[in-house]
Amino acid sequence: MAVKTITIDMDAYRALKRHKGEGQSFSDVIKEHLGSRSTGATLLGALADADLTEGTLDAIDEIVASRAESPASVEPL
C-alpha cells in the first residue's frame, strides 16, 4: 500500500486523536469520517447487482414525487 506524509497543526492532530479508537490507524479515522465519494459508476454498478422489480421502481418514483411536493423543497421568498 502506498503512503503519503501530510503535515497538520496540533489542533487538527488532537481532534483526529480524539476520534481514534483502539487498534485504529489515523487513516482509518479519516476514511471513517470523510468516507469515500460515490460516483455515477458506483451507483450503476450497485443497480446492476440489484434485483429491482417494477413494484420497487414504482415505489421509488412515488417517494421522489412526494419529496418534490414537500414544503421544505419550496424556494424561500
C-alpha atoms as a PDB file:
ATOM      1  CA  MET A   1       0.000   0.000   0.000  1.00  0.00           C
ATOM      2  CA  ALA A   2       1.341   3.405  -0.942  1.00  0.00           C
ATOM      3  CA  VAL A   3       1.531   6.090   1.729  1.00  0.00           C
ATOM      4  CA  LYS A   4       1.704   9.869   1.685  1.00  0.00           C
ATOM      5  CA  THR A   5       3.030  12.043   4.516  1.00  0.00           C
ATOM      6  CA  ILE A   6       0.976  15.122   5.391  1.00  0.00           C
ATOM      7  CA  THR A   7       1.504  17.958   7.870  1.00  0.00           C
ATOM      8  CA  ILE A   8      -1.313  19.058  10.185  1.00  0.00           C
ATOM      9  CA  ASP A   9      -1.303  21.527  13.059  1.00  0.00           C
ATOM     10  CA  MET A  10      -1.574  20.391  16.685  1.00  0.00           C
ATOM     11  CA  ASP A  11      -5.263  21.274  16.985  1.00  0.00           C
ATOM     12  CA  ALA A  12      -6.057  19.080  13.994  1.00  0.00           C
ATOM     13  CA  TYR A  13      -3.862  16.295  15.395  1.00  0.00           C
ATOM     14  CA  ARG A  14      -5.629  16.388  18.771  1.00  0.00           C
ATOM     15  CA  ALA A  15      -9.052  16.327  17.090  1.00  0.00           C
ATOM     16  CA  LEU A  16      -8.008  13.361  14.983  1.00  0.00           C
ATOM     17  CA  LYS A  17      -6.535  11.579  18.013  1.00  0.00           C
ATOM     18  CA  ARG A  18      -9.781  12.051  19.998  1.00  0.00           C
ATOM     19  CA  HIS A  19     -11.655  10.134  17.291  1.00  0.00           C
ATOM     20  CA  LYS A  20      -9.074   7.373  17.032  1.00  0.00           C
ATOM     21  CA  GLY A  21     -10.185   4.135  18.649  1.00  0.00           C
ATOM     22  CA  GLU A  22      -8.125   1.251  19.984  1.00  0.00           C
ATOM     23  CA  GLY A  23      -6.410  -0.521  17.102  1.00  0.00           C
ATOM     24  CA  GLN A  24      -7.440   2.149  14.584  1.00  0.00           C
ATOM     25  CA  SER A  25      -4.961   3.983  12.401  1.00  0.00           C
ATOM     26  CA  PHE A  26      -5.238   7.677  11.622  1.00  0.00           C
ATOM     27  CA  SER A  27      -6.020   6.636   8.040  1.00  0.00           C
ATOM     28  CA  ASP A  28      -8.961   4.570   9.343  1.00  0.00           C
ATOM     29  CA  VAL A  29     -10.294   7.588  11.259  1.00  0.00           C
ATOM     30  CA  ILE A  30     -10.006   9.889   8.247  1.00  0.00           C
ATOM     31  CA  LYS A  31     -11.757   7.381   5.965  1.00  0.00           C
ATOM     32  CA  GLU A  32     -14.468   6.741   8.566  1.00  0.00           C
ATOM     33  CA  HIS A  33     -15.285  10.431   8.936  1.00  0.00           C
ATOM     34  CA  LEU A  34     -14.727  11.641   5.405  1.00  0.00           C
ATOM     35  CA  GLY A  35     -15.835   8.475   3.678  1.00  0.00           C
ATOM     36  CA  SER A  36     -15.445   7.691   0.070  1.00  0.00           C
ATOM     37  CA  ARG A  37     -17.415   9.537  -2.528  1.00  0.00           C
ATOM     38  CA  SER A  38     -19.780   7.544  -4.638  1.00  0.00           C
ATOM     39  CA  THR A  39     -19.830   8.195  -8.330  1.00  0.00           C
ATOM     40  CA  GLY A  40     -22.386   7.533 -11.003  1.00  0.00           C
ATOM     41  CA  ALA A  41     -20.375   4.459 -11.945  1.00  0.00           C
ATOM     42  CA  THR A  42     -20.627   3.221  -8.338  1.00  0.00           C
ATOM     43  CA  LEU A  43     -24.402   3.665  -8.420  1.00  0.00           C
ATOM     44  CA  LEU A  44     -24.741   1.943 -11.784  1.00  0.00           C
ATOM     45  CA  GLY A  45     -22.677  -0.970 -10.524  1.00  0.00           C
ATOM     46  CA  ALA A  46     -24.860  -1.320  -7.441  1.00  0.00           C
ATOM     47  CA  LEU A  47     -28.031  -1.141  -9.511  1.00  0.00           C
ATOM     48  CA  ALA A  48     -26.735  -3.757 -11.931  1.00  0.00           C
ATOM     49  CA  ASP A  49     -26.371  -6.158  -8.996  1.00  0.00           C
ATOM     50  CA  ALA A  50     -29.792  -5.276  -7.516  1.00  0.00           C
ATOM     51  CA  ASP A  51     -32.925  -7.223  -8.245  1.00  0.00           C
ATOM     52  CA  LEU A  52     -35.319  -4.312  -8.802  1.00  0.00           C
ATOM     53  CA  THR A  53     -38.898  -5.225  -9.619  1.00  0.00           C
ATOM     54  CA  GLU A  54     -41.398  -2.907 -11.286  1.00  0.00           C
ATOM     55  CA  GLY A  55     -43.090  -2.542  -7.887  1.00  0.00           C
ATOM     56  CA  THR A  56     -39.854  -1.385  -6.291  1.00  0.00           C
ATOM     57  CA  LEU A  57     -39.213   1.117  -9.069  1.00  0.00           C
ATOM     58  CA  ASP A  58     -42.795   2.433  -8.788  1.00  0.00           C
ATOM     59  CA  ALA A  59     -42.351   2.868  -5.021  1.00  0.00           C
ATOM     60  CA  ILE A  60     -39.122   4.804  -5.587  1.00  0.00           C
ATOM     61  CA  ASP A  61     -40.878   7.053  -8.107  1.00  0.00           C
ATOM     62  CA  GLU A  62     -43.654   7.756  -5.571  1.00  0.00           C
ATOM     63  CA  ILE A  63     -41.150   8.681  -2.862  1.00  0.00           C
ATOM     64  CA  VAL A  64     -39.254  11.013  -5.180  1.00  0.00           C
ATOM     65  CA  ALA A  65     -42.506  12.658  -6.315  1.00  0.00           C
ATOM     66  CA  SER A  66     -43.681  13.158  -2.730  1.00  0.00           C
ATOM     67  CA  ARG A  67     -40.393  14.810  -1.811  1.00  0.00           C
ATOM     68  CA  ALA A  68     -40.733  17.231  -4.710  1.00  0.00           C
ATOM     69  CA  GLU A  69     -44.088  18.335  -3.268  1.00  0.00           C
ATOM     70  CA  SER A  70     -42.685  18.855   0.243  1.00  0.00           C
ATOM     71  CA  PRO A  71     -42.857  22.387   1.679  1.00  0.00           C
ATOM     72  CA  ALA A  72     -39.167  22.024   2.549  1.00  0.00           C
ATOM     73  CA  SER A  73     -38.314  21.939  -1.147  1.00  0.00           C
ATOM     74  CA  VAL A  74     -40.126  25.206  -1.931  1.00  0.00           C
ATOM     75  CA  GLU A  75     -37.767  28.069  -2.678  1.00  0.00           C
ATOM     76  CA  PRO A  76     -37.759  30.804   0.007  1.00  0.00           C
ATOM     77  CA  LEU A  77     -39.445  34.130  -0.670  1.00  0.00           C
END
